[in-house]
Amino acid sequence: MRQLLDKIEARQRLVRETAERLREQIAELTGQLAAAERTLERLETTRETVLELATEDGTPPPEPLPSGYL
């Protein structure tokens, strides 16, 4: 019986370590996602500003980029 309990405890340690590594990875990915979302927001604001300025100046808006650039 003791051997079985030792195996269970060893498995618990392994799973706890795995869970901790996964939490760390999630935290890292969450930070990367937040940074990417902030960059997207800034790019969208820049794009909108350029289009507004072009319209105000009477300049035709730029042609949309091909889908490969988006």
N, C-alpha and C. Protein backbone atom coordinates (compact mmCIF):
# COMPACT_ATOMS: atom_id res chain seq x y z
N MET A 1 0.82 -1.20 0.00
CA MET A 1 0.00 0.00 0.00
C MET A 1 0.87 1.26 0.00
N ARG A 2 1.97 1.23 0.77
CA ARG A 2 2.84 2.40 0.84
C ARG A 2 3.41 2.74 -0.53
N GLN A 3 3.75 1.73 -1.31
CA GLN A 3 4.30 1.97 -2.65
C GLN A 3 3.29 2.70 -3.53
N LEU A 4 2.07 2.31 -3.42
CA LEU A 4 1.01 2.96 -4.19
C LEU A 4 0.87 4.43 -3.79
N LEU A 5 0.89 4.70 -2.50
CA LEU A 5 0.80 6.09 -2.03
C LEU A 5 2.01 6.90 -2.47
N ASP A 6 3.18 6.30 -2.48
CA ASP A 6 4.39 6.99 -2.95
C ASP A 6 4.28 7.34 -4.43
N LYS A 7 3.73 6.42 -5.21
CA LYS A 7 3.54 6.68 -6.64
C LYS A 7 2.56 7.84 -6.85
N ILE A 8 1.50 7.85 -6.06
CA ILE A 8 0.51 8.92 -6.17
C ILE A 8 1.15 10.26 -5.81
N GLU A 9 1.94 10.29 -4.74
CA GLU A 9 2.61 11.52 -4.34
C GLU A 9 3.59 11.99 -5.41
N ALA A 10 4.31 11.06 -6.00
CA ALA A 10 5.24 11.43 -7.07
C ALA A 10 4.48 12.01 -8.27
N ARG A 11 3.35 11.40 -8.59
CA ARG A 11 2.53 11.90 -9.70
C ARG A 11 1.99 13.28 -9.37
N GLN A 12 1.57 13.50 -8.14
CA GLN A 12 1.08 14.82 -7.73
C GLN A 12 2.16 15.89 -7.90
N ARG A 13 3.38 15.57 -7.46
CA ARG A 13 4.48 16.54 -7.63
C ARG A 13 4.69 16.88 -9.09
N LEU A 14 4.70 15.85 -9.93
CA LEU A 14 4.91 16.06 -11.36
C LEU A 14 3.81 16.94 -11.96
N VAL A 15 2.57 16.66 -11.60
CA VAL A 15 1.44 17.43 -12.13
C VAL A 15 1.47 18.86 -11.60
N ARG A 16 1.84 19.05 -10.33
CA ARG A 16 1.97 20.42 -9.80
C ARG A 16 3.03 21.21 -10.56
N GLU A 17 4.17 20.57 -10.84
CA GLU A 17 5.24 21.24 -11.59
C GLU A 17 4.77 21.59 -12.99
N THR A 18 4.07 20.68 -13.62
CA THR A 18 3.54 20.94 -14.96
C THR A 18 2.55 22.09 -14.92
N ALA A 19 1.68 22.11 -13.93
CA ALA A 19 0.70 23.18 -13.81
C ALA A 19 1.39 24.52 -13.61
N GLU A 20 2.44 24.56 -12.81
CA GLU A 20 3.17 25.81 -12.57
C GLU A 20 3.84 26.30 -13.86
N ARG A 21 4.44 25.39 -14.60
CA ARG A 21 5.05 25.79 -15.89
C ARG A 21 4.00 26.34 -16.84
N LEU A 22 2.84 25.71 -16.87
CA LEU A 22 1.76 26.18 -17.74
C LEU A 22 1.27 27.55 -17.31
N ARG A 23 1.16 27.79 -16.00
CA ARG A 23 0.76 29.11 -15.51
C ARG A 23 1.76 30.17 -15.96
N GLU A 24 3.04 29.86 -15.88
CA GLU A 24 4.08 30.80 -16.31
C GLU A 24 3.97 31.09 -17.81
N GLN A 25 3.74 30.05 -18.59
CA GLN A 25 3.57 30.23 -20.04
C GLN A 25 2.35 31.08 -20.35
N ILE A 26 1.26 30.83 -19.63
CA ILE A 26 0.04 31.61 -19.84
C ILE A 26 0.29 33.08 -19.52
N ALA A 27 1.00 33.34 -18.42
CA ALA A 27 1.30 34.72 -18.06
C ALA A 27 2.14 35.39 -19.14
N GLU A 28 3.13 34.69 -19.65
CA GLU A 28 3.98 35.24 -20.72
C GLU A 28 3.15 35.51 -21.98
N LEU A 29 2.33 34.56 -22.37
CA LEU A 29 1.51 34.73 -23.57
C LEU A 29 0.48 35.84 -23.38
N THR A 30 -0.06 35.98 -22.18
CA THR A 30 -1.02 37.05 -21.90
C THR A 30 -0.35 38.40 -22.10
N GLY A 31 0.89 38.54 -21.63
CA GLY A 31 1.63 39.78 -21.84
C GLY A 31 1.89 40.05 -23.31
N GLN A 32 2.26 39.03 -24.04
CA GLN A 32 2.51 39.19 -25.48
C GLN A 32 1.24 39.57 -26.21
N LEU A 33 0.13 38.95 -25.84
CA LEU A 33 -1.16 39.27 -26.46
C LEU A 33 -1.55 40.71 -26.19
N ALA A 34 -1.38 41.15 -24.95
CA ALA A 34 -1.72 42.54 -24.61
C ALA A 34 -0.88 43.51 -25.42
N ALA A 35 0.40 43.22 -25.58
CA ALA A 35 1.28 44.10 -26.36
C ALA A 35 0.84 44.13 -27.82
N ALA A 36 0.50 42.98 -28.37
CA ALA A 36 0.04 42.93 -29.76
C ALA A 36 -1.26 43.70 -29.94
N GLU A 37 -2.17 43.57 -28.98
CA GLU A 37 -3.44 44.30 -29.07
C GLU A 37 -3.22 45.81 -28.99
N ARG A 38 -2.29 46.25 -28.13
CA ARG A 38 -1.99 47.69 -28.06
C ARG A 38 -1.42 48.18 -29.38
N THR A 39 -0.55 47.39 -29.98
CA THR A 39 0.02 47.78 -31.28
C THR A 39 -1.06 47.87 -32.33
N LEU A 40 -1.97 46.91 -32.35
CA LEU A 40 -3.08 46.96 -33.32
C LEU A 40 -3.94 48.20 -33.12
N GLU A 41 -4.21 48.55 -31.87
CA GLU A 41 -5.00 49.76 -31.60
C GLU A 41 -4.29 51.01 -32.11
N ARG A 42 -2.98 51.11 -31.87
CA ARG A 42 -2.24 52.27 -32.35
C ARG A 42 -2.23 52.34 -33.87
N LEU A 43 -2.07 51.18 -34.51
CA LEU A 43 -2.07 51.16 -35.97
C LEU A 43 -3.44 51.57 -36.53
N GLU A 44 -4.50 51.10 -35.91
CA GLU A 44 -5.84 51.47 -36.37
C GLU A 44 -6.08 52.96 -36.20
N THR A 45 -5.64 53.53 -35.06
CA THR A 45 -5.78 54.97 -34.84
C THR A 45 -4.98 55.74 -35.89
N THR A 46 -3.77 55.30 -36.16
CA THR A 46 -2.94 55.96 -37.17
C THR A 46 -3.62 55.90 -38.53
N ARG A 47 -4.14 54.74 -38.88
CA ARG A 47 -4.81 54.58 -40.18
C ARG A 47 -6.01 55.52 -40.28
N GLU A 48 -6.82 55.57 -39.23
CA GLU A 48 -8.00 56.44 -39.24
C GLU A 48 -7.59 57.91 -39.36
N THR A 49 -6.53 58.29 -38.66
CA THR A 49 -6.07 59.68 -38.72
C THR A 49 -5.59 60.03 -40.12
N VAL A 50 -4.83 59.15 -40.74
CA VAL A 50 -4.34 59.40 -42.11
C VAL A 50 -5.52 59.55 -43.06
N LEU A 51 -6.52 58.69 -42.94
CA LEU A 51 -7.68 58.79 -43.83
C LEU A 51 -8.45 60.09 -43.58
N GLU A 52 -8.59 60.50 -42.31
CA GLU A 52 -9.29 61.75 -42.01
C GLU A 52 -8.52 62.95 -42.59
N LEU A 53 -7.22 62.96 -42.40
CA LEU A 53 -6.42 64.07 -42.91
C LEU A 53 -6.46 64.13 -44.43
N ALA A 54 -6.42 62.98 -45.06
CA ALA A 54 -6.49 62.96 -46.52
C ALA A 54 -7.82 63.52 -47.00
N THR A 55 -8.89 63.19 -46.32
CA THR A 55 -10.22 63.68 -46.70
C THR A 55 -10.31 65.19 -46.49
N GLU A 56 -9.76 65.68 -45.37
CA GLU A 56 -9.81 67.11 -45.08
C GLU A 56 -9.04 67.92 -46.12
N ASP A 57 -7.95 67.40 -46.61
CA ASP A 57 -7.12 68.09 -47.59
C ASP A 57 -7.65 67.94 -49.01
N GLY A 58 -8.68 67.15 -49.18
CA GLY A 58 -9.21 66.91 -50.51
C GLY A 58 -8.40 65.88 -51.27
N THR A 59 -7.46 65.27 -50.61
CA THR A 59 -6.65 64.23 -51.24
C THR A 59 -7.45 62.94 -51.26
N PRO A 60 -7.46 62.27 -52.38
CA PRO A 60 -8.19 61.00 -52.39
C PRO A 60 -7.52 60.02 -51.42
N PRO A 61 -8.32 59.23 -50.74
CA PRO A 61 -7.71 58.28 -49.80
C PRO A 61 -6.84 57.29 -50.55
N PRO A 62 -5.83 56.78 -49.89
CA PRO A 62 -4.96 55.81 -50.55
C PRO A 62 -5.71 54.54 -50.91
N GLU A 63 -5.22 53.89 -51.92
CA GLU A 63 -5.82 52.63 -52.32
C GLU A 63 -5.61 51.60 -51.20
N PRO A 64 -6.57 50.75 -50.98
CA PRO A 64 -6.39 49.72 -49.95
C PRO A 64 -5.23 48.81 -50.33
N LEU A 65 -4.55 48.31 -49.34
CA LEU A 65 -3.46 47.38 -49.58
C LEU A 65 -4.02 46.03 -50.00
N PRO A 66 -3.27 45.30 -50.80
CA PRO A 66 -3.72 43.93 -51.14
C PRO A 66 -3.85 43.10 -49.86
N SER A 67 -4.67 42.10 -49.91
CA SER A 67 -4.98 41.31 -48.71
C SER A 67 -3.73 40.70 -48.08
N GLY A 68 -2.70 40.46 -48.82
CA GLY A 68 -1.48 39.87 -48.27
C GLY A 68 -0.77 40.77 -47.30
N TYR A 69 -1.04 42.08 -47.34
CA TYR A 69 -0.39 43.03 -46.45
C TYR A 69 -1.16 43.23 -45.16
N LEU A 70 -2.38 42.75 -45.09
CA LEU A 70 -3.21 42.97 -43.90
C LEU A 70 -2.99 41.91 -42.88
